[in-house]
């Protein structure tokens, strides 16, 4: 499946990098961790306007998603831990945490393309 250039939109994503321990003022670990993400990257993909019944069969019985992303880049590293910026530009909190507007609910891989069911998240 090849995607038409006129149907592609640019989105940004931050991949999950790992966790690091939170230190107190004396440099000792507090037992809590902070989630780290990589810098935002751009991806050109097809973004559906809304979820429909045709997509529901693609992801099985999953109906709790808002849009579908489709890319023909079969090496695309996006997974369920990725923060997505679909309808807004990348933004970060004071602590450097990405404030994305969507999250990946499910991935469907094919030989020629990858589909991602994504849902809107509320970030405060």
N, C-alpha and C. Protein backbone atom coordinates (compact mmCIF):
# COMPACT_ATOMS: atom_id res chain seq x y z
N UNK A 1 0.85 -1.18 0.00
CA UNK A 1 0.00 0.00 0.00
C UNK A 1 0.89 1.24 0.00
N UNK A 2 0.71 2.05 -0.99
CA UNK A 2 1.43 3.33 -1.04
C UNK A 2 0.45 4.43 -0.71
N UNK A 3 0.92 5.40 0.04
CA UNK A 3 0.07 6.51 0.44
C UNK A 3 0.25 7.67 -0.53
N UNK A 4 -0.84 8.33 -0.89
CA UNK A 4 -0.77 9.49 -1.76
C UNK A 4 -0.20 10.67 -1.00
N UNK A 5 0.70 11.40 -1.61
CA UNK A 5 1.33 12.55 -0.96
C UNK A 5 0.32 13.59 -0.51
N UNK A 6 -0.72 13.80 -1.28
CA UNK A 6 -1.71 14.82 -0.92
C UNK A 6 -2.52 14.44 0.30
N UNK A 7 -2.52 13.18 0.69
CA UNK A 7 -3.26 12.74 1.87
C UNK A 7 -2.40 12.69 3.13
N UNK A 8 -1.13 13.06 3.02
CA UNK A 8 -0.24 12.96 4.17
C UNK A 8 -0.27 14.23 5.01
N UNK A 9 -0.18 14.04 6.31
CA UNK A 9 -0.07 15.14 7.27
C UNK A 9 1.22 14.94 8.05
N UNK A 10 1.75 16.03 8.57
CA UNK A 10 2.95 15.93 9.41
C UNK A 10 2.52 15.92 10.87
N UNK A 11 2.96 14.91 11.58
CA UNK A 11 2.76 14.84 13.03
C UNK A 11 4.14 14.76 13.68
N UNK A 12 4.17 14.93 14.98
CA UNK A 12 5.41 14.76 15.74
C UNK A 12 5.18 13.70 16.82
N UNK A 13 6.26 13.04 17.20
CA UNK A 13 6.17 12.03 18.25
C UNK A 13 7.44 12.02 19.08
N UNK A 14 7.31 11.61 20.34
CA UNK A 14 8.45 11.43 21.24
C UNK A 14 8.46 9.97 21.68
N UNK A 15 9.54 9.27 21.40
CA UNK A 15 9.68 7.88 21.80
C UNK A 15 10.07 7.76 23.27
N UNK A 16 9.60 6.71 23.90
CA UNK A 16 9.95 6.40 25.28
C UNK A 16 11.43 6.07 25.36
N UNK A 17 12.13 6.70 26.29
CA UNK A 17 13.58 6.51 26.42
C UNK A 17 13.93 5.63 27.61
N UNK A 18 13.16 5.72 28.69
CA UNK A 18 13.44 4.93 29.88
C UNK A 18 13.03 5.69 31.13
N UNK A 19 13.53 5.21 32.27
CA UNK A 19 13.24 5.84 33.56
C UNK A 19 14.55 6.18 34.25
N UNK A 20 14.51 7.25 35.05
CA UNK A 20 15.67 7.58 35.86
C UNK A 20 15.19 7.85 37.28
N UNK A 21 15.99 7.51 38.27
CA UNK A 21 15.57 7.73 39.65
C UNK A 21 15.53 9.22 39.99
N UNK A 22 14.58 9.61 40.83
CA UNK A 22 14.49 10.98 41.32
C UNK A 22 15.34 11.08 42.58
N UNK A 23 16.18 12.09 42.64
CA UNK A 23 17.09 12.28 43.76
C UNK A 23 16.59 13.41 44.66
N UNK A 24 16.84 13.28 45.97
CA UNK A 24 16.49 14.37 46.88
C UNK A 24 17.60 15.40 46.88
N UNK A 25 17.49 16.42 47.75
CA UNK A 25 18.47 17.51 47.76
C UNK A 25 19.87 17.06 48.17
N UNK A 26 19.99 15.90 48.83
CA UNK A 26 21.29 15.37 49.23
C UNK A 26 21.88 14.41 48.20
N UNK A 27 21.15 14.17 47.11
CA UNK A 27 21.65 13.28 46.06
C UNK A 27 21.29 11.83 46.26
N UNK A 28 20.41 11.52 47.22
CA UNK A 28 19.98 10.15 47.48
C UNK A 28 18.70 9.85 46.71
N UNK A 29 18.55 8.59 46.29
CA UNK A 29 17.35 8.19 45.57
C UNK A 29 16.14 8.23 46.49
N UNK A 30 15.01 8.72 45.95
CA UNK A 30 13.78 8.82 46.75
C UNK A 30 12.90 7.58 46.60
N UNK A 31 13.23 6.70 45.68
CA UNK A 31 12.40 5.52 45.41
C UNK A 31 11.41 5.76 44.28
N UNK A 32 11.29 7.01 43.85
CA UNK A 32 10.43 7.35 42.72
C UNK A 32 11.28 7.47 41.46
N UNK A 33 10.61 7.34 40.32
CA UNK A 33 11.32 7.47 39.05
C UNK A 33 10.62 8.49 38.16
N UNK A 34 11.36 8.99 37.20
CA UNK A 34 10.86 9.95 36.22
C UNK A 34 10.96 9.28 34.85
N UNK A 35 9.89 9.42 34.06
CA UNK A 35 9.88 8.86 32.71
C UNK A 35 10.59 9.82 31.77
N UNK A 36 11.48 9.29 30.95
CA UNK A 36 12.23 10.10 30.00
C UNK A 36 11.78 9.78 28.58
N UNK A 37 11.74 10.82 27.74
CA UNK A 37 11.38 10.66 26.33
C UNK A 37 12.47 11.26 25.47
N UNK A 38 12.58 10.76 24.25
CA UNK A 38 13.52 11.32 23.29
C UNK A 38 12.98 12.63 22.74
N UNK A 39 13.82 13.35 22.02
CA UNK A 39 13.40 14.61 21.40
C UNK A 39 12.33 14.32 20.34
N UNK A 40 11.46 15.29 20.06
CA UNK A 40 10.40 15.08 19.06
C UNK A 40 10.97 14.84 17.66
N UNK A 41 10.31 13.95 16.95
CA UNK A 41 10.65 13.66 15.56
C UNK A 41 9.40 13.85 14.72
N UNK A 42 9.60 14.14 13.44
CA UNK A 42 8.48 14.33 12.52
C UNK A 42 8.20 13.05 11.75
N UNK A 43 6.93 12.88 11.40
CA UNK A 43 6.51 11.74 10.59
C UNK A 43 5.41 12.21 9.65
N UNK A 44 5.54 11.85 8.38
CA UNK A 44 4.49 12.13 7.40
C UNK A 44 3.64 10.87 7.28
N UNK A 45 2.35 11.00 7.61
CA UNK A 45 1.46 9.84 7.58
C UNK A 45 0.05 10.30 7.26
N UNK A 46 -0.81 9.34 7.00
CA UNK A 46 -2.22 9.62 6.77
C UNK A 46 -2.94 9.60 8.12
N UNK A 47 -3.71 10.66 8.39
CA UNK A 47 -4.45 10.76 9.65
C UNK A 47 -5.93 10.77 9.31
N UNK A 48 -6.68 9.79 9.85
CA UNK A 48 -8.11 9.74 9.57
C UNK A 48 -8.83 10.86 10.30
N UNK A 49 -9.95 11.35 9.76
CA UNK A 49 -10.68 12.41 10.45
C UNK A 49 -11.37 11.93 11.71
N UNK A 50 -11.84 10.69 11.75
CA UNK A 50 -12.50 10.13 12.93
C UNK A 50 -12.56 8.62 12.78
N UNK A 51 -12.80 7.93 13.88
CA UNK A 51 -12.89 6.47 13.86
C UNK A 51 -14.23 6.05 13.27
N UNK A 52 -14.23 4.92 12.59
CA UNK A 52 -15.46 4.41 12.01
C UNK A 52 -15.51 2.89 12.12
N UNK A 53 -16.56 2.30 11.61
CA UNK A 53 -16.72 0.85 11.73
C UNK A 53 -15.70 0.09 10.90
N UNK A 54 -15.23 0.65 9.78
CA UNK A 54 -14.23 -0.04 8.97
C UNK A 54 -12.94 -0.22 9.76
N UNK A 55 -12.56 0.77 10.56
CA UNK A 55 -11.36 0.66 11.37
C UNK A 55 -11.57 -0.27 12.56
N UNK A 56 -12.81 -0.39 13.02
CA UNK A 56 -13.08 -1.23 14.18
C UNK A 56 -12.70 -2.68 13.90
N UNK A 57 -12.93 -3.16 12.69
CA UNK A 57 -12.57 -4.53 12.35
C UNK A 57 -11.07 -4.69 12.21
N UNK A 58 -10.39 -3.64 11.79
CA UNK A 58 -8.94 -3.69 11.64
C UNK A 58 -8.25 -3.97 12.97
N UNK A 59 -8.77 -3.39 14.05
CA UNK A 59 -8.17 -3.53 15.38
C UNK A 59 -8.96 -4.48 16.28
N UNK A 60 -9.76 -5.37 15.71
CA UNK A 60 -10.54 -6.30 16.51
C UNK A 60 -11.73 -5.60 17.14
N UNK A 61 -11.97 -5.86 18.42
CA UNK A 61 -13.12 -5.28 19.10
C UNK A 61 -12.80 -3.96 19.78
N UNK A 62 -11.66 -3.40 19.52
CA UNK A 62 -11.28 -2.13 20.13
C UNK A 62 -12.09 -1.00 19.50
N UNK A 63 -12.87 -0.30 20.32
CA UNK A 63 -13.66 0.82 19.81
C UNK A 63 -13.32 2.12 20.53
N UNK A 64 -12.42 2.08 21.50
CA UNK A 64 -12.07 3.27 22.28
C UNK A 64 -10.89 4.01 21.67
N UNK A 65 -11.06 4.48 20.44
CA UNK A 65 -10.03 5.29 19.82
C UNK A 65 -10.69 6.35 18.95
N UNK A 66 -9.96 7.41 18.67
CA UNK A 66 -10.53 8.55 17.98
C UNK A 66 -10.10 8.68 16.52
N UNK A 67 -8.86 8.34 16.24
CA UNK A 67 -8.33 8.48 14.88
C UNK A 67 -7.44 7.29 14.56
N UNK A 68 -7.08 7.18 13.28
CA UNK A 68 -6.17 6.14 12.84
C UNK A 68 -5.04 6.81 12.05
N UNK A 69 -3.81 6.47 12.40
CA UNK A 69 -2.64 6.90 11.64
C UNK A 69 -2.21 5.74 10.77
N UNK A 70 -1.85 6.02 9.51
CA UNK A 70 -1.36 4.98 8.62
C UNK A 70 -0.07 5.49 7.99
N UNK A 71 0.97 4.66 8.07
CA UNK A 71 2.25 4.99 7.45
C UNK A 71 2.75 3.80 6.64
N UNK A 72 3.41 4.09 5.53
CA UNK A 72 4.00 3.01 4.74
C UNK A 72 5.46 2.78 5.11
N UNK A 73 5.92 3.47 6.15
CA UNK A 73 7.27 3.25 6.69
C UNK A 73 7.19 2.08 7.66
N UNK A 74 7.50 0.88 7.18
CA UNK A 74 7.35 -0.32 8.01
C UNK A 74 8.40 -0.41 9.12
N UNK A 75 9.37 0.50 9.11
CA UNK A 75 10.37 0.55 10.18
C UNK A 75 10.02 1.64 11.22
N UNK A 76 8.83 2.18 11.14
CA UNK A 76 8.41 3.25 12.05
C UNK A 76 8.45 2.72 13.49
N UNK A 77 9.15 3.42 14.41
CA UNK A 77 9.35 2.92 15.76
C UNK A 77 8.22 3.24 16.75
N UNK A 78 7.15 3.87 16.31
CA UNK A 78 6.07 4.25 17.23
C UNK A 78 5.45 3.01 17.84
N UNK A 79 5.20 3.06 19.17
CA UNK A 79 4.53 1.97 19.87
C UNK A 79 3.59 2.57 20.92
N UNK A 80 3.07 1.73 21.82
CA UNK A 80 2.10 2.16 22.81
C UNK A 80 2.68 3.11 23.87
N UNK A 81 3.98 3.24 23.96
CA UNK A 81 4.62 4.14 24.93
C UNK A 81 4.98 5.50 24.34
N UNK A 82 4.63 5.72 23.09
CA UNK A 82 5.01 6.94 22.39
C UNK A 82 4.01 8.07 22.67
N UNK A 83 4.53 9.29 22.85
CA UNK A 83 3.69 10.47 23.00
C UNK A 83 3.53 11.10 21.62
N UNK A 84 2.28 11.37 21.23
CA UNK A 84 1.99 11.90 19.90
C UNK A 84 1.51 13.35 19.97
N UNK A 85 1.91 14.13 18.96
CA UNK A 85 1.43 15.50 18.77
C UNK A 85 0.78 15.53 17.39
N UNK A 86 -0.52 15.35 17.34
CA UNK A 86 -1.23 15.26 16.07
C UNK A 86 -1.89 16.58 15.71
N UNK A 87 -2.67 17.15 16.63
CA UNK A 87 -3.40 18.38 16.36
C UNK A 87 -2.73 19.62 16.95
N UNK A 88 -1.55 19.47 17.49
CA UNK A 88 -0.83 20.62 18.06
C UNK A 88 0.66 20.44 17.90
N UNK A 89 1.39 21.52 18.10
CA UNK A 89 2.85 21.48 18.03
C UNK A 89 3.41 20.88 19.32
N UNK A 90 4.61 20.33 19.27
CA UNK A 90 5.20 19.78 20.50
C UNK A 90 5.31 20.82 21.60
N UNK A 91 4.88 20.44 22.80
CA UNK A 91 4.95 21.30 23.98
C UNK A 91 5.43 20.45 25.14
N UNK A 92 6.10 21.11 26.09
CA UNK A 92 6.68 20.39 27.22
C UNK A 92 6.35 21.11 28.52
N UNK A 93 6.27 20.34 29.62
CA UNK A 93 6.06 20.93 30.94
C UNK A 93 7.37 21.55 31.41
N UNK A 94 7.34 22.18 32.57
CA UNK A 94 8.55 22.78 33.13
C UNK A 94 9.62 21.73 33.43
N UNK A 95 9.19 20.49 33.68
CA UNK A 95 10.12 19.40 33.97
C UNK A 95 10.63 18.72 32.71
N UNK A 96 10.19 19.17 31.54
CA UNK A 96 10.64 18.57 30.29
C UNK A 96 9.80 17.40 29.82
N UNK A 97 8.64 17.18 30.45
CA UNK A 97 7.76 16.07 30.06
C UNK A 97 6.93 16.51 28.85
N UNK A 98 6.90 15.70 27.78
CA UNK A 98 6.11 16.09 26.61
C UNK A 98 4.61 16.08 26.92
N UNK A 99 3.91 17.10 26.47
CA UNK A 99 2.47 17.24 26.69
C UNK A 99 1.74 16.95 25.38
N UNK A 100 1.73 15.69 25.00
CA UNK A 100 1.11 15.28 23.75
C UNK A 100 -0.41 15.31 23.83
N UNK A 101 -1.05 15.25 22.65
CA UNK A 101 -2.50 15.28 22.63
C UNK A 101 -3.15 13.94 22.29
N UNK A 102 -2.36 12.95 21.88
CA UNK A 102 -2.88 11.61 21.58
C UNK A 102 -1.93 10.54 22.11
N UNK A 103 -2.49 9.34 22.31
CA UNK A 103 -1.67 8.19 22.67
C UNK A 103 -2.08 7.01 21.81
N UNK A 104 -1.15 6.10 21.61
CA UNK A 104 -1.39 4.92 20.78
C UNK A 104 -2.14 3.88 21.61
N UNK A 105 -3.26 3.41 21.08
CA UNK A 105 -4.04 2.37 21.75
C UNK A 105 -3.70 0.98 21.22
N UNK A 106 -3.52 0.88 19.90
CA UNK A 106 -3.23 -0.43 19.32
C UNK A 106 -2.50 -0.24 18.01
N UNK A 107 -1.67 -1.22 17.67
CA UNK A 107 -0.89 -1.21 16.43
C UNK A 107 -1.28 -2.40 15.58
N UNK A 108 -1.45 -2.19 14.29
CA UNK A 108 -1.72 -3.27 13.34
C UNK A 108 -0.69 -3.18 12.23
N UNK A 109 0.21 -4.16 12.19
CA UNK A 109 1.30 -4.17 11.21
C UNK A 109 0.94 -5.09 10.04
N UNK A 110 1.33 -4.65 8.86
CA UNK A 110 1.15 -5.42 7.64
C UNK A 110 2.51 -5.47 6.95
N UNK A 111 2.59 -6.15 5.85
CA UNK A 111 3.84 -6.23 5.11
C UNK A 111 4.21 -4.86 4.54
N UNK A 112 3.21 -4.08 4.12
CA UNK A 112 3.47 -2.82 3.42
C UNK A 112 3.16 -1.56 4.21
N UNK A 113 2.47 -1.65 5.33
CA UNK A 113 2.11 -0.46 6.08
C UNK A 113 1.84 -0.80 7.55
N UNK A 114 1.73 0.25 8.37
CA UNK A 114 1.39 0.10 9.78
C UNK A 114 0.24 1.05 10.08
N UNK A 115 -0.77 0.55 10.79
CA UNK A 115 -1.90 1.37 11.24
C UNK A 115 -1.84 1.48 12.75
N UNK A 116 -2.12 2.68 13.25
CA UNK A 116 -2.13 2.94 14.69
C UNK A 116 -3.49 3.49 15.08
N UNK A 117 -4.17 2.83 16.01
CA UNK A 117 -5.39 3.37 16.59
C UNK A 117 -4.96 4.29 17.72
N UNK A 118 -5.37 5.57 17.66
CA UNK A 118 -4.93 6.54 18.67
C UNK A 118 -6.15 7.17 19.33
N UNK A 119 -5.99 7.57 20.59
CA UNK A 119 -7.07 8.24 21.31
C UNK A 119 -6.59 9.52 21.92
N UNK A 120 -7.49 10.48 22.01
CA UNK A 120 -7.19 11.81 22.55
C UNK A 120 -6.97 11.69 24.05
N UNK A 121 -5.99 12.44 24.56
CA UNK A 121 -5.73 12.47 26.01
C UNK A 121 -5.85 13.91 26.49
N UNK A 122 -6.24 14.06 27.74
CA UNK A 122 -6.31 15.37 28.38
C UNK A 122 -5.04 15.54 29.17
N UNK A 123 -4.28 16.59 28.86
CA UNK A 123 -3.01 16.87 29.54
C UNK A 123 -3.18 18.14 30.35
N UNK A 124 -2.79 18.05 31.63
CA UNK A 124 -2.91 19.25 32.47
C UNK A 124 -1.55 19.78 32.85
